N, C-alpha and C. Protein backbone atom coordinates (compact mmCIF):
# COMPACT_ATOMS: atom_id res chain seq x y z
N MET A 1 0.70 -1.29 0.31
CA MET A 1 -0.08 -0.10 0.04
C MET A 1 0.86 1.02 0.12
N VAL A 2 0.13 2.18 -0.30
CA VAL A 2 1.07 3.50 -0.78
C VAL A 2 1.12 4.11 0.53
N THR A 3 2.29 4.68 1.06
CA THR A 3 2.05 5.77 2.27
C THR A 3 2.34 7.12 1.49
N ASP A 4 2.15 7.83 2.47
CA ASP A 4 2.31 9.41 2.47
C ASP A 4 1.95 10.24 3.39
N ASP A 5 2.69 10.65 4.18
CA ASP A 5 2.51 11.75 5.20
C ASP A 5 1.37 12.71 5.39
N ARG A 6 1.23 12.97 4.01
CA ARG A 6 0.41 14.13 3.96
C ARG A 6 -0.95 13.74 4.33
N TRP A 7 -1.41 12.41 4.55
CA TRP A 7 -2.77 11.83 4.84
C TRP A 7 -2.58 11.61 6.38
N SER A 8 -1.67 11.55 6.76
CA SER A 8 -1.52 11.03 8.09
C SER A 8 -2.15 12.01 9.32
N VAL A 9 -3.58 12.08 9.36
CA VAL A 9 -4.22 12.90 10.18
C VAL A 9 -5.65 11.78 10.61
N GLY A 10 -5.89 12.03 11.72
CA GLY A 10 -6.90 11.09 12.58
C GLY A 10 -7.77 11.91 13.18
N CYS A 11 -8.20 11.10 14.26
CA CYS A 11 -9.41 11.72 15.22
C CYS A 11 -8.63 11.98 16.58
N ARG A 12 -8.82 13.07 17.26
CA ARG A 12 -8.20 13.15 18.72
C ARG A 12 -9.03 12.65 19.81
N ASN A 13 -10.07 11.58 19.65
CA ASN A 13 -10.71 11.05 21.11
C ASN A 13 -9.80 10.60 21.85
N ASN A 14 -8.69 9.04 21.16
CA ASN A 14 -7.77 8.82 22.32
C ASN A 14 -6.87 8.52 21.17
N THR A 15 -6.59 9.11 20.15
CA THR A 15 -5.27 8.84 19.37
C THR A 15 -4.33 10.00 19.65
N VAL A 16 -3.14 9.46 19.59
CA VAL A 16 -1.95 10.49 19.53
C VAL A 16 -1.76 10.71 18.00
N LEU A 17 -1.82 11.98 17.60
CA LEU A 17 -1.95 12.11 16.42
C LEU A 17 -0.46 12.52 15.63
N ASP A 18 -0.19 11.96 14.69
CA ASP A 18 1.14 12.00 14.26
C ASP A 18 1.40 13.08 12.82
N VAL A 19 0.92 14.35 13.50
CA VAL A 19 0.78 15.54 12.57
C VAL A 19 1.55 16.58 13.11
N PRO A 20 2.21 17.28 12.53
CA PRO A 20 3.26 18.42 12.85
C PRO A 20 2.21 19.72 13.50
N VAL A 21 2.98 20.46 14.34
CA VAL A 21 2.14 21.26 14.94
C VAL A 21 1.75 22.31 13.70
N ALA A 22 0.40 22.94 14.06
CA ALA A 22 -0.12 23.77 12.80
C ALA A 22 -0.54 25.09 13.47
N GLU A 23 -0.62 26.16 12.50
CA GLU A 23 -1.48 27.19 13.00
C GLU A 23 -2.70 27.37 12.63
N SER A 24 -3.41 28.29 13.27
CA SER A 24 -5.18 28.23 13.11
C SER A 24 -4.98 29.75 11.76
N ILE A 25 -5.99 29.49 11.23
CA ILE A 25 -5.98 30.42 9.88
C ILE A 25 -7.27 31.02 9.80
N ALA A 26 -8.43 30.24 10.34
CA ALA A 26 -9.61 30.64 10.50
C ALA A 26 -10.50 29.96 10.87
N GLN A 27 -11.28 30.42 12.08
CA GLN A 27 -12.46 29.75 12.95
C GLN A 27 -13.72 29.92 12.64
N LEU A 28 -14.51 29.06 13.00
CA LEU A 28 -16.23 29.13 13.05
C LEU A 28 -16.75 28.32 14.29
N LYS A 29 -17.57 29.12 15.01
CA LYS A 29 -18.60 28.21 15.74
C LYS A 29 -19.91 28.05 15.44
N GLN A 30 -20.49 27.34 15.59
CA GLN A 30 -22.05 27.15 15.08
C GLN A 30 -22.78 26.38 16.26
N VAL A 31 -24.14 26.31 16.13
CA VAL A 31 -25.05 25.76 17.15
C VAL A 31 -26.28 25.37 16.06
N ASP A 32 -26.53 24.02 15.93
CA ASP A 32 -27.51 23.46 15.23
C ASP A 32 -29.14 23.73 16.03
N ALA A 33 -29.81 23.04 15.03
CA ALA A 33 -31.25 23.48 15.59
C ALA A 33 -31.59 22.12 16.94
N LEU A 34 -30.77 21.31 16.75
CA LEU A 34 -30.64 20.10 18.00
C LEU A 34 -30.06 20.57 19.35
N SER A 35 -29.06 21.41 19.20
CA SER A 35 -28.56 22.62 20.13
C SER A 35 -26.89 21.43 20.39
N ARG A 36 -26.41 21.21 19.14
CA ARG A 36 -25.58 20.44 19.04
C ARG A 36 -24.25 21.36 18.99
N MET A 37 -23.28 21.25 19.44
CA MET A 37 -22.31 22.86 19.12
C MET A 37 -21.30 21.91 18.18
N TYR A 38 -20.87 23.19 17.34
CA TYR A 38 -19.64 22.58 16.59
C TYR A 38 -18.73 23.63 16.39
N PHE A 39 -17.08 23.42 16.54
CA PHE A 39 -16.21 23.92 16.20
C PHE A 39 -15.36 23.81 15.13
N PHE A 40 -14.92 24.56 14.30
CA PHE A 40 -14.43 24.31 12.84
C PHE A 40 -13.30 25.70 13.47
N ASP A 41 -11.89 24.63 13.22
CA ASP A 41 -10.37 25.49 12.78
C ASP A 41 -9.69 24.96 11.35
N LEU A 42 -9.61 26.15 10.98
CA LEU A 42 -8.76 25.64 9.56
C LEU A 42 -7.70 26.07 9.68
N MET A 43 -6.75 24.99 9.53
CA MET A 43 -5.21 25.18 9.88
C MET A 43 -4.27 25.34 8.68
N ASP A 44 -2.87 25.80 8.71
CA ASP A 44 -2.35 25.40 8.07
C ASP A 44 -1.68 23.96 7.76
N LYS A 45 -0.77 24.10 6.85
CA LYS A 45 -0.58 22.54 6.37
C LYS A 45 -1.79 21.32 6.02
N GLY A 46 -2.67 22.16 5.83
CA GLY A 46 -3.65 21.41 5.17
C GLY A 46 -4.60 20.53 6.21
N ARG A 47 -4.89 21.15 6.99
CA ARG A 47 -5.71 20.61 8.26
C ARG A 47 -6.85 21.42 8.51
N LEU A 48 -8.16 20.91 8.76
CA LEU A 48 -9.05 21.24 9.61
C LEU A 48 -9.66 20.25 10.83
N ARG A 49 -9.51 21.08 11.82
CA ARG A 49 -10.34 20.56 13.01
C ARG A 49 -11.56 20.48 12.92
N VAL A 50 -12.25 19.54 13.74
CA VAL A 50 -13.46 19.62 13.98
C VAL A 50 -14.20 19.02 15.37
N ILE A 51 -14.41 20.25 15.94
CA ILE A 51 -15.20 19.53 17.22
C ILE A 51 -16.73 19.57 17.39
N ARG A 52 -17.57 18.63 17.86
CA ARG A 52 -18.60 18.35 17.61
C ARG A 52 -18.93 17.91 19.04
N LYS A 53 -19.88 18.88 19.85
CA LYS A 53 -20.23 18.76 21.29
C LYS A 53 -21.82 18.53 21.10
N THR A 54 -22.23 17.47 22.23
CA THR A 54 -23.72 17.16 22.46
C THR A 54 -23.77 17.31 24.02
N ARG A 55 -25.21 17.27 24.53
CA ARG A 55 -25.26 17.06 25.94
C ARG A 55 -24.23 15.67 26.42
N LEU A 56 -24.33 14.85 25.77
CA LEU A 56 -23.71 13.31 26.06
C LEU A 56 -22.24 12.86 25.71
N ASN A 57 -21.70 13.68 24.33
CA ASN A 57 -20.08 13.47 24.32
C ASN A 57 -19.89 14.48 23.75
N GLN A 58 -18.35 14.41 23.49
CA GLN A 58 -18.02 15.12 22.73
C GLN A 58 -16.90 14.82 21.80
N ILE A 59 -16.86 14.95 20.23
CA ILE A 59 -15.67 14.63 19.31
C ILE A 59 -15.00 15.48 18.70
N ASP A 60 -13.40 15.08 18.78
CA ASP A 60 -12.41 16.15 18.55
C ASP A 60 -11.84 15.15 17.48
N TYR A 61 -11.58 15.56 15.93
CA TYR A 61 -11.37 15.29 14.77
C TYR A 61 -10.39 16.16 13.80
N LEU A 62 -9.50 15.38 13.34
CA LEU A 62 -8.50 16.60 12.31
C LEU A 62 -9.09 15.68 10.88
N LEU A 63 -8.78 16.47 10.21
CA LEU A 63 -9.40 15.95 8.85
C LEU A 63 -8.22 16.72 7.84
N SER A 64 -7.48 15.76 6.90
CA SER A 64 -6.81 16.39 5.76
C SER A 64 -7.59 17.06 4.78
N LEU A 65 -7.20 18.29 4.19
CA LEU A 65 -7.77 18.75 3.05
C LEU A 65 -7.70 17.81 2.04
N ASN A 66 -6.79 17.30 1.95
CA ASN A 66 -6.76 15.99 0.63
C ASN A 66 -7.95 14.86 0.48
N GLY A 67 -8.55 15.11 1.84
CA GLY A 67 -9.36 14.02 1.74
C GLY A 67 -10.96 14.71 1.39
N LEU A 68 -10.85 15.61 1.34
CA LEU A 68 -12.31 16.81 1.09
C LEU A 68 -12.56 17.01 -0.37
N THR A 69 -13.55 17.25 -0.73
CA THR A 69 -14.22 17.71 -2.15
C THR A 69 -13.96 19.15 -1.91
N GLN A 70 -13.76 19.99 -2.87
CA GLN A 70 -13.60 21.10 -3.41
C GLN A 70 -14.82 21.74 -3.24
N GLU A 71 -15.82 21.37 -3.43
CA GLU A 71 -17.16 22.17 -2.91
C GLU A 71 -18.02 21.20 -2.45
N PRO A 72 -18.81 21.64 -1.62
CA PRO A 72 -19.77 21.19 -0.70
C PRO A 72 -21.19 20.67 -1.49
N ARG A 73 -21.73 19.78 -0.79
CA ARG A 73 -23.01 19.31 -1.37
C ARG A 73 -24.05 20.10 -0.40
N ARG A 74 -25.05 20.62 -0.90
CA ARG A 74 -26.24 21.50 -0.35
C ARG A 74 -27.22 20.51 0.12
N VAL A 75 -27.34 20.26 1.41
CA VAL A 75 -28.91 19.18 1.71
C VAL A 75 -29.56 20.11 2.58
N VAL A 76 -31.14 19.75 2.64
CA VAL A 76 -31.71 20.41 3.56
C VAL A 76 -31.98 18.90 4.62
N HIS A 77 -32.12 19.35 5.94
CA HIS A 77 -32.63 18.85 7.01
C HIS A 77 -34.16 18.99 7.09
N MET A 78 -34.89 18.04 7.37
CA MET A 78 -36.21 17.85 7.54
C MET A 78 -36.59 17.43 8.43
N PRO A 79 -37.15 17.99 9.55
CA PRO A 79 -37.60 17.23 10.72
C PRO A 79 -39.14 17.11 10.89
N TRP A 80 -39.18 15.77 9.91
CA TRP A 80 -40.59 15.24 9.82
C TRP A 80 -41.37 14.95 10.94
N LYS A 81 -40.75 14.72 12.37
CA LYS A 81 -41.66 14.35 12.99
C LYS A 81 -42.73 15.37 13.44
N TRP A 82 -41.99 16.71 13.15
CA TRP A 82 -42.75 17.87 14.11
C TRP A 82 -44.32 18.05 12.90
N LEU A 83 -44.22 17.18 11.86
CA LEU A 83 -45.16 17.24 10.75
C LEU A 83 -46.14 16.01 10.98
N PHE A 84 -45.71 14.87 11.62
CA PHE A 84 -46.47 14.17 11.94
C PHE A 84 -47.26 14.37 13.40
N ILE A 85 -46.62 15.35 13.96
CA ILE A 85 -47.38 15.50 15.41
C ILE A 85 -48.66 16.71 14.94
N ALA A 86 -48.13 17.81 13.83
CA ALA A 86 -49.31 18.39 13.84
C ALA A 86 -50.39 17.62 13.09
N LEU A 87 -50.01 16.64 12.21
CA LEU A 87 -51.18 15.70 11.88
C LEU A 87 -51.88 15.09 12.91
N VAL A 88 -51.29 14.80 13.73
CA VAL A 88 -52.41 13.88 14.81
C VAL A 88 -52.86 15.10 15.63
N GLY A 89 -52.58 16.12 15.61
CA GLY A 89 -53.05 17.35 16.24
C GLY A 89 -54.54 17.65 15.56
N LEU A 90 -54.68 17.51 14.13
CA LEU A 90 -55.27 17.93 13.29
C LEU A 90 -56.26 16.81 13.73
N VAL A 91 -56.14 15.52 13.57
CA VAL A 91 -56.84 14.45 13.27
C VAL A 91 -57.68 14.50 14.83
N PHE A 92 -56.84 14.54 15.71
CA PHE A 92 -57.59 14.70 17.21
C PHE A 92 -58.64 15.69 17.28
N GLY A 93 -58.30 16.84 16.74
CA GLY A 93 -59.13 17.94 17.13
C GLY A 93 -60.46 17.75 16.05
N GLY A 94 -60.16 17.20 14.90
CA GLY A 94 -61.48 16.74 13.92
C GLY A 94 -62.14 15.56 14.60
N LEU A 95 -61.69 14.74 15.02
CA LEU A 95 -62.36 13.55 15.82
C LEU A 95 -63.14 14.02 16.92
N TRP A 96 -62.71 14.68 17.63
CA TRP A 96 -63.01 15.33 19.00
C TRP A 96 -64.38 16.01 18.73
N PHE A 97 -64.37 17.21 17.74
CA PHE A 97 -65.31 17.97 17.34
C PHE A 97 -66.55 17.11 16.86
N VAL A 98 -65.98 16.10 16.23
CA VAL A 98 -67.35 15.25 15.51
C VAL A 98 -68.20 14.20 16.78
N LEU A 99 -67.22 13.69 17.39
CA LEU A 99 -68.00 13.04 18.45
C LEU A 99 -68.62 13.78 19.05
N ALA A 100 -68.06 14.93 19.82
CA ALA A 100 -68.97 15.82 20.66
C ALA A 100 -70.33 16.32 19.79
N ALA A 101 -70.15 16.17 18.46
CA ALA A 101 -71.43 16.64 18.02
C ALA A 101 -72.40 15.42 17.89
N ILE A 102 -72.09 14.27 17.55
CA ILE A 102 -72.70 13.02 17.77
C ILE A 102 -73.13 12.84 18.90
N THR A 103 -72.43 12.99 19.97
CA THR A 103 -72.91 12.17 21.56
C THR A 103 -74.27 13.39 22.28
N GLY A 104 -74.25 14.93 21.54
CA GLY A 104 -75.19 15.22 21.94
C GLY A 104 -74.81 16.46 23.17
N ASP A 105 -75.83 16.57 24.21
CA ASP A 105 -75.40 17.57 25.11
C ASP A 105 -74.28 16.70 26.04
N MET A 106 -73.99 15.61 26.43
CA MET A 106 -73.24 15.34 27.22
C MET A 106 -71.78 15.88 26.93
N PHE A 107 -71.36 16.03 25.87
CA PHE A 107 -69.86 16.69 25.46
C PHE A 107 -69.98 17.95 24.88
N ALA A 108 -71.09 18.52 24.69
CA ALA A 108 -71.27 19.71 23.72
C ALA A 108 -70.79 20.82 24.22
N ASN A 109 -70.54 21.12 25.48
CA ASN A 109 -69.57 22.17 26.50
C ASN A 109 -68.10 21.73 25.99
N PHE A 110 -67.67 20.75 25.15
CA PHE A 110 -66.07 20.32 25.14
C PHE A 110 -65.71 20.41 23.93
N ARG A 111 -66.70 20.72 22.77
CA ARG A 111 -66.42 20.39 21.36
C ARG A 111 -65.64 21.42 20.59
N TRP A 112 -65.90 22.81 21.26
CA TRP A 112 -64.76 23.74 20.74
C TRP A 112 -63.47 23.91 21.50
N PRO A 113 -63.43 23.33 22.91
CA PRO A 113 -62.09 23.69 23.28
C PRO A 113 -61.09 22.40 23.12
N GLY A 114 -61.85 21.18 22.60
CA GLY A 114 -60.78 20.02 22.22
C GLY A 114 -60.18 20.57 20.79
N LEU A 115 -61.56 21.05 19.47
CA LEU A 115 -61.01 21.39 18.57
C LEU A 115 -59.83 22.38 18.34
N ILE A 116 -59.87 23.36 19.48
CA ILE A 116 -58.98 24.57 19.32
C ILE A 116 -57.90 24.18 19.95
N LEU A 117 -58.03 22.66 20.85
CA LEU A 117 -56.76 22.38 21.37
C LEU A 117 -55.95 21.51 20.29
N GLY A 118 -56.72 20.84 19.71
CA GLY A 118 -56.08 19.99 18.51
C GLY A 118 -55.52 21.04 17.39
N LEU A 119 -56.17 22.01 17.00
CA LEU A 119 -55.89 22.81 15.94
C LEU A 119 -54.22 24.03 16.49
N SER A 120 -54.12 24.10 17.82
CA SER A 120 -53.27 24.83 18.63
C SER A 120 -51.72 24.04 18.35
N VAL A 121 -52.03 22.51 18.63
CA VAL A 121 -51.11 21.66 18.55
C VAL A 121 -50.46 21.61 17.20
N ALA A 122 -51.29 21.26 16.02
CA ALA A 122 -50.68 21.49 14.89
C ALA A 122 -50.35 22.85 14.68
N MET A 123 -50.74 23.99 14.44
CA MET A 123 -50.21 25.07 14.22
C MET A 123 -48.79 24.83 15.07
N LEU A 124 -48.82 24.78 16.34
CA LEU A 124 -47.57 25.01 17.13
C LEU A 124 -46.50 23.67 16.49
N SER A 125 -46.76 22.70 15.97
CA SER A 125 -45.83 21.92 15.56
C SER A 125 -45.25 21.97 14.05
N VAL A 126 -46.15 22.86 13.19
CA VAL A 126 -45.89 23.42 12.06
C VAL A 126 -45.05 24.68 12.14
N GLY A 127 -45.00 25.25 12.93
CA GLY A 127 -44.13 26.21 13.30
C GLY A 127 -42.71 25.75 14.18
N ILE A 128 -42.83 24.90 14.92
CA ILE A 128 -41.60 24.16 15.20
C ILE A 128 -40.89 23.68 13.82
N PHE A 129 -41.60 23.09 13.07
CA PHE A 129 -41.14 22.22 12.23
C PHE A 129 -40.01 23.37 10.94
N PHE A 130 -40.47 24.44 10.84
CA PHE A 130 -39.87 25.26 9.90
C PHE A 130 -38.57 26.13 10.62
N ILE A 131 -38.95 25.80 12.20
CA ILE A 131 -37.98 26.68 13.14
C ILE A 131 -36.35 25.89 12.68
N LYS A 132 -36.60 24.30 12.99
CA LYS A 132 -35.60 23.47 13.18
C LYS A 132 -35.56 22.86 11.50
N MET A 133 -36.13 23.09 10.52
CA MET A 133 -35.66 22.79 9.28
C MET A 133 -34.27 23.43 8.70
N GLU A 134 -33.12 22.80 8.55
CA GLU A 134 -31.95 23.50 8.54
C GLU A 134 -31.20 23.03 6.80
N ARG A 135 -30.65 24.07 6.36
CA ARG A 135 -30.09 23.87 4.98
C ARG A 135 -28.66 23.35 5.54
N LYS A 136 -27.82 22.95 5.03
CA LYS A 136 -26.32 22.69 5.45
C LYS A 136 -25.46 22.26 4.13
N ASP A 137 -24.11 22.43 3.98
CA ASP A 137 -23.49 22.22 3.45
C ASP A 137 -22.40 21.32 3.70
N VAL A 138 -22.35 20.06 3.27
CA VAL A 138 -21.43 18.99 3.37
C VAL A 138 -20.44 18.61 2.80
N PHE A 139 -19.35 18.41 3.08
CA PHE A 139 -17.99 17.91 2.39
C PHE A 139 -17.84 16.66 2.77
N VAL A 140 -17.69 15.95 1.57
CA VAL A 140 -17.04 14.67 1.51
C VAL A 140 -16.26 14.16 1.03
N SER A 141 -15.50 13.10 1.09
CA SER A 141 -14.18 12.36 0.77
C SER A 141 -14.15 12.29 -0.43
N PRO A 142 -13.48 12.83 -1.64
CA PRO A 142 -13.55 12.67 -3.15
C PRO A 142 -13.92 11.43 -3.79
N HIS A 143 -13.48 10.27 -3.27
CA HIS A 143 -14.09 9.01 -4.12
C HIS A 143 -14.78 8.12 -3.77
N ALA A 144 -14.98 7.85 -1.99
CA ALA A 144 -15.98 7.61 -1.88
C ALA A 144 -17.29 8.07 -1.19
N GLY A 145 -16.99 9.37 -1.35
CA GLY A 145 -18.62 10.37 -1.03
C GLY A 145 -18.95 10.27 0.34
N VAL A 146 -17.83 9.87 1.30
CA VAL A 146 -18.42 9.40 2.92
C VAL A 146 -18.48 10.92 3.17
N ALA A 147 -19.52 11.65 4.14
CA ALA A 147 -20.08 12.75 4.40
C ALA A 147 -18.99 13.10 5.97
N LEU A 148 -17.94 14.00 5.96
CA LEU A 148 -16.95 13.89 6.84
C LEU A 148 -17.34 15.41 7.64
N VAL A 149 -17.53 16.22 7.36
CA VAL A 149 -17.97 17.42 8.02
C VAL A 149 -19.06 18.18 7.66
N GLU A 150 -20.11 18.68 8.14
CA GLU A 150 -21.09 19.55 7.87
C GLU A 150 -21.46 20.58 8.43
N PHE A 151 -22.04 21.69 7.47
CA PHE A 151 -21.82 23.03 8.39
C PHE A 151 -23.28 23.71 7.69
N VAL A 152 -23.77 24.55 8.87
CA VAL A 152 -25.17 24.65 8.85
C VAL A 152 -25.38 26.33 8.32
N VAL A 153 -25.68 26.47 7.20
CA VAL A 153 -25.51 27.40 6.52
C VAL A 153 -26.21 28.77 6.99
N ASN A 154 -25.17 29.89 6.98
CA ASN A 154 -25.46 31.03 7.38
C ASN A 154 -25.40 31.35 8.91
N ARG A 155 -24.73 30.17 9.76
CA ARG A 155 -24.67 30.52 11.06
C ARG A 155 -23.01 30.94 11.37
N PRO A 156 -22.94 31.37 12.62
CA PRO A 156 -23.51 32.27 13.26
C PRO A 156 -24.19 33.62 12.60
N SER A 157 -23.38 33.88 11.54
CA SER A 157 -23.89 35.25 10.69
C SER A 157 -23.63 34.77 9.08
N LYS A 158 -24.43 35.34 8.21
CA LYS A 158 -24.10 35.23 6.80
C LYS A 158 -22.86 35.25 6.44
N SER A 159 -21.90 36.49 7.02
CA SER A 159 -21.19 37.29 6.78
C SER A 159 -20.02 36.46 6.82
N GLN A 160 -20.21 35.58 8.08
CA GLN A 160 -18.97 34.84 8.68
C GLN A 160 -18.93 33.71 8.21
N TYR A 161 -20.13 33.18 8.28
CA TYR A 161 -20.22 31.73 7.18
C TYR A 161 -19.53 31.67 5.94
N ARG A 162 -19.95 32.72 5.25
CA ARG A 162 -19.58 32.74 3.74
C ARG A 162 -18.26 33.20 3.65
N GLU A 163 -17.10 34.07 4.62
CA GLU A 163 -16.08 33.80 4.60
C GLU A 163 -15.19 32.69 5.01
N PHE A 164 -15.87 32.04 5.92
CA PHE A 164 -15.06 30.74 6.45
C PHE A 164 -14.74 29.76 5.46
N ILE A 165 -16.29 29.62 4.73
CA ILE A 165 -16.68 28.71 3.90
C ILE A 165 -15.17 28.99 2.53
N GLU A 166 -15.39 30.30 2.01
CA GLU A 166 -14.53 30.82 1.26
C GLU A 166 -13.29 30.49 1.35
N MET A 167 -12.51 30.75 2.36
CA MET A 167 -11.46 30.62 3.03
C MET A 167 -11.18 28.93 2.88
N LEU A 168 -11.98 27.93 3.25
CA LEU A 168 -12.11 26.67 3.33
C LEU A 168 -11.88 26.34 2.06
N VAL A 169 -12.93 26.51 1.04
CA VAL A 169 -12.54 26.02 -0.32
C VAL A 169 -11.52 26.48 -1.07
N ASN A 170 -10.85 27.70 -1.02
CA ASN A 170 -9.81 27.82 -1.50
C ASN A 170 -8.35 27.46 -0.79
N ALA A 171 -8.50 26.53 0.53
CA ALA A 171 -7.21 26.03 0.98
C ALA A 171 -7.49 24.84 0.38
N ILE A 172 -8.64 24.18 0.07
CA ILE A 172 -8.63 22.80 -0.51
C ILE A 172 -8.01 22.98 -2.02
N GLN A 173 -8.68 23.90 -2.74
CA GLN A 173 -8.05 23.91 -4.23
C GLN A 173 -6.52 24.34 -4.14
N GLN A 174 -6.31 25.07 -3.05
CA GLN A 174 -4.74 25.38 -3.07
C GLN A 174 -3.76 23.91 -3.21
N ASN A 175 -4.27 23.69 -1.96
CA ASN A 175 -3.73 22.19 -1.26
C ASN A 175 -3.76 21.07 -2.34
N GLU A 176 -4.71 20.98 -3.34
CA GLU A 176 -4.52 20.16 -4.07
C GLU A 176 -3.67 20.40 -5.48
N ALA A 177 -3.72 21.61 -5.58
CA ALA A 177 -2.81 22.07 -6.62
C ALA A 177 -1.67 21.93 -6.32
N GLU A 178 -1.26 22.35 -5.03
CA GLU A 178 0.29 22.13 -4.76
C GLU A 178 0.84 20.43 -4.91
N ARG A 179 -0.33 20.03 -4.46
CA ARG A 179 0.68 18.38 -3.96
C ARG A 179 0.30 17.52 -5.01
N GLY A 180 -0.51 17.58 -6.03
CA GLY A 180 -0.96 17.16 -7.16
C GLY A 180 -0.51 15.43 -7.24
N LEU A 181 -1.41 14.53 -6.03
CA LEU A 181 -1.08 13.28 -5.47
C LEU A 181 -1.89 12.43 -6.83
N SER A 182 -0.97 11.41 -7.08
CA SER A 182 -1.27 10.54 -8.23
C SER A 182 -2.40 9.62 -7.83
N LEU A 183 -3.64 9.07 -8.32
CA LEU A 183 -4.81 8.40 -8.23
C LEU A 183 -4.62 7.12 -7.01
N GLN A 184 -3.47 6.46 -7.46
CA GLN A 184 -3.39 5.50 -6.23
C GLN A 184 -2.94 6.04 -4.96
N LYS A 185 -2.23 7.05 -4.85
CA LYS A 185 -2.27 7.79 -3.81
C LYS A 185 -3.21 8.59 -2.77
N GLN A 186 -4.49 8.95 -3.67
CA GLN A 186 -5.73 9.63 -3.28
C GLN A 186 -6.45 8.57 -2.57
N LEU A 187 -6.11 7.37 -3.27
CA LEU A 187 -7.00 6.24 -2.79
C LEU A 187 -6.44 5.75 -1.71
N ALA A 188 -5.30 5.30 -1.63
CA ALA A 188 -4.89 5.03 -0.11
C ALA A 188 -4.67 5.79 0.63
N GLY A 189 -4.57 6.87 0.41
CA GLY A 189 -4.75 8.34 1.68
C GLY A 189 -6.27 8.23 1.89
N GLU A 190 -7.06 8.55 1.11
CA GLU A 190 -8.68 8.28 1.58
C GLU A 190 -8.72 7.12 2.52
N MET A 191 -8.46 5.94 1.87
CA MET A 191 -8.72 4.69 2.96
C MET A 191 -8.03 4.50 4.22
N ARG A 192 -6.81 5.13 4.17
CA ARG A 192 -6.06 5.10 5.45
C ARG A 192 -7.28 6.22 6.61
N MET A 193 -7.47 7.24 5.81
CA MET A 193 -7.99 8.59 6.86
C MET A 193 -9.41 8.02 7.69
N LEU A 194 -10.28 7.11 6.48
CA LEU A 194 -11.49 6.45 6.94
C LEU A 194 -11.57 5.87 8.00
N ARG A 195 -10.42 4.82 7.79
CA ARG A 195 -10.32 3.59 8.41
C ARG A 195 -10.19 4.02 10.05
N ARG A 196 -9.19 5.44 10.33
CA ARG A 196 -8.70 6.13 11.42
C ARG A 196 -9.93 6.63 12.07
N LEU A 197 -10.85 7.31 10.91
CA LEU A 197 -12.09 7.86 11.66
C LEU A 197 -13.14 6.67 12.40
N LYS A 198 -13.04 5.92 11.46
CA LYS A 198 -14.23 4.65 11.72
C LYS A 198 -13.40 3.99 13.31
N ASP A 199 -12.25 4.14 13.69
CA ASP A 199 -11.49 3.68 14.85
C ASP A 199 -11.71 4.44 16.04
N GLU A 200 -12.14 5.91 15.61
CA GLU A 200 -12.16 6.62 16.60
C GLU A 200 -13.81 7.24 16.92
N GLY A 201 -14.89 6.28 15.93
CA GLY A 201 -16.08 6.19 16.04
C GLY A 201 -16.58 7.18 15.32
N VAL A 202 -15.88 7.88 15.05
CA VAL A 202 -16.59 9.36 14.05
C VAL A 202 -17.36 8.48 12.63
N LEU A 203 -16.91 7.73 12.11
CA LEU A 203 -17.65 6.92 11.09
C LEU A 203 -18.01 5.43 11.62
N ASP A 204 -19.69 4.94 11.38
CA ASP A 204 -19.96 3.51 11.76
C ASP A 204 -19.25 2.58 11.05
N ASN A 205 -19.17 1.56 11.02
CA ASN A 205 -18.91 0.22 10.25
C ASN A 205 -19.74 -0.01 8.89
N ASP A 206 -20.64 0.23 9.02
CA ASP A 206 -21.48 -0.18 8.06
C ASP A 206 -20.99 1.22 6.47
N VAL A 207 -20.71 2.32 7.22
CA VAL A 207 -20.41 3.68 6.18
C VAL A 207 -18.89 3.22 5.73
N TYR A 208 -18.13 2.69 6.40
CA TYR A 208 -16.53 2.95 6.67
C TYR A 208 -16.71 1.25 5.36
N ASP A 209 -17.50 0.46 5.54
CA ASP A 209 -17.20 -0.97 4.92
C ASP A 209 -17.96 -0.79 3.30
N GLN A 210 -18.85 0.37 2.99
CA GLN A 210 -19.51 0.57 1.83
C GLN A 210 -18.49 1.77 1.10
N ALA A 211 -17.47 2.46 1.88
CA ALA A 211 -16.70 3.21 1.72
C ALA A 211 -15.33 2.29 0.85
N LYS A 212 -15.56 1.28 1.51
CA LYS A 212 -14.18 0.63 1.40
C LYS A 212 -14.34 -0.14 -0.06
N MET A 213 -15.46 -0.65 -0.40
CA MET A 213 -15.89 -1.28 -1.18
C MET A 213 -16.01 -0.63 -2.55
N SER A 214 -16.15 1.32 -2.18
CA SER A 214 -16.15 1.99 -3.70
C SER A 214 -14.66 2.62 -3.98
N ILE A 215 -13.89 2.29 -2.99
CA ILE A 215 -12.42 2.85 -3.19
C ILE A 215 -11.96 1.30 -3.84
N LEU A 216 -11.97 0.29 -3.66
CA LEU A 216 -11.78 -1.00 -4.07
C LEU A 216 -12.09 -0.74 -5.87
N GLN A 217 -13.08 -0.65 -5.91
CA GLN A 217 -14.10 -0.57 -7.24
C GLN A 217 -12.99 0.67 -8.07
N LEU A 218 -12.27 1.13 -7.60
CA LEU A 218 -11.48 2.17 -8.49
C LEU A 218 -10.32 2.34 -8.38
N SER A 219 -9.77 1.00 -7.63
CA SER A 219 -8.59 0.99 -7.38
C SER A 219 -7.91 -0.10 -8.39
N ASP A 220 -6.76 0.15 -9.23
CA ASP A 220 -6.35 -0.86 -9.93
C ASP A 220 -5.60 -1.84 -9.17
N ASN A 221 -5.17 -1.38 -7.97
CA ASN A 221 -4.17 -2.64 -7.11
C ASN A 221 -5.06 -2.18 -5.50
N PRO A 222 -5.13 -3.42 -4.88
CA PRO A 222 -5.83 -3.26 -3.58
C PRO A 222 -5.29 -2.58 -2.52
N VAL A 223 -6.15 -2.07 -2.21
CA VAL A 223 -5.90 -1.02 -0.72
C VAL A 223 -6.41 -1.60 0.34
N GLU A 224 -5.41 -1.88 1.25
CA GLU A 224 -5.94 -2.25 2.75
C GLU A 224 -6.23 -1.44 3.66
């Protein structure tokens, strides 16, 4: 297997990284709709540090810019469960209103409160759906297409976000132009980086196995 120090980057959870000391070029902090906190640090020597923090854990890892596509994919996260709750509220309010009308005087006084409650739940859920709906820019690995890092669009502000993404894209393009790795070195390096991320819990086994198959199909020589 081809080795190349320029791909010698992995996760910081439990692994001592074999990377040189790098200086920060630009930083970005974000909080998504699920209150997960992200810290991104674009560093020299072709590195991107990512810290993802939730209430339960924190993951801190480094990526080589060699392992990222030059342009991100724009995706939209849709919190469908809130639309389901809205549908339940509408059904509840409608059924309550009909049943109260059918049963006559016994539930007549509760007919309108039940309908209003159902409609209120539906309207509130639809509002939360739009609040939690997010656009994200996702950078993937060049050959296997594995999502490695994602950014919530225009957070914390539109200007800060655009400035950081432009610097990141320019750094990826400059890094690729300067190093000019062969296809086999790219495949070997990408495979090694994905394996490191899998070992550190950033990627699950299924994602890694699919990525490995994709890279093996592209490689003329086996990549372990």
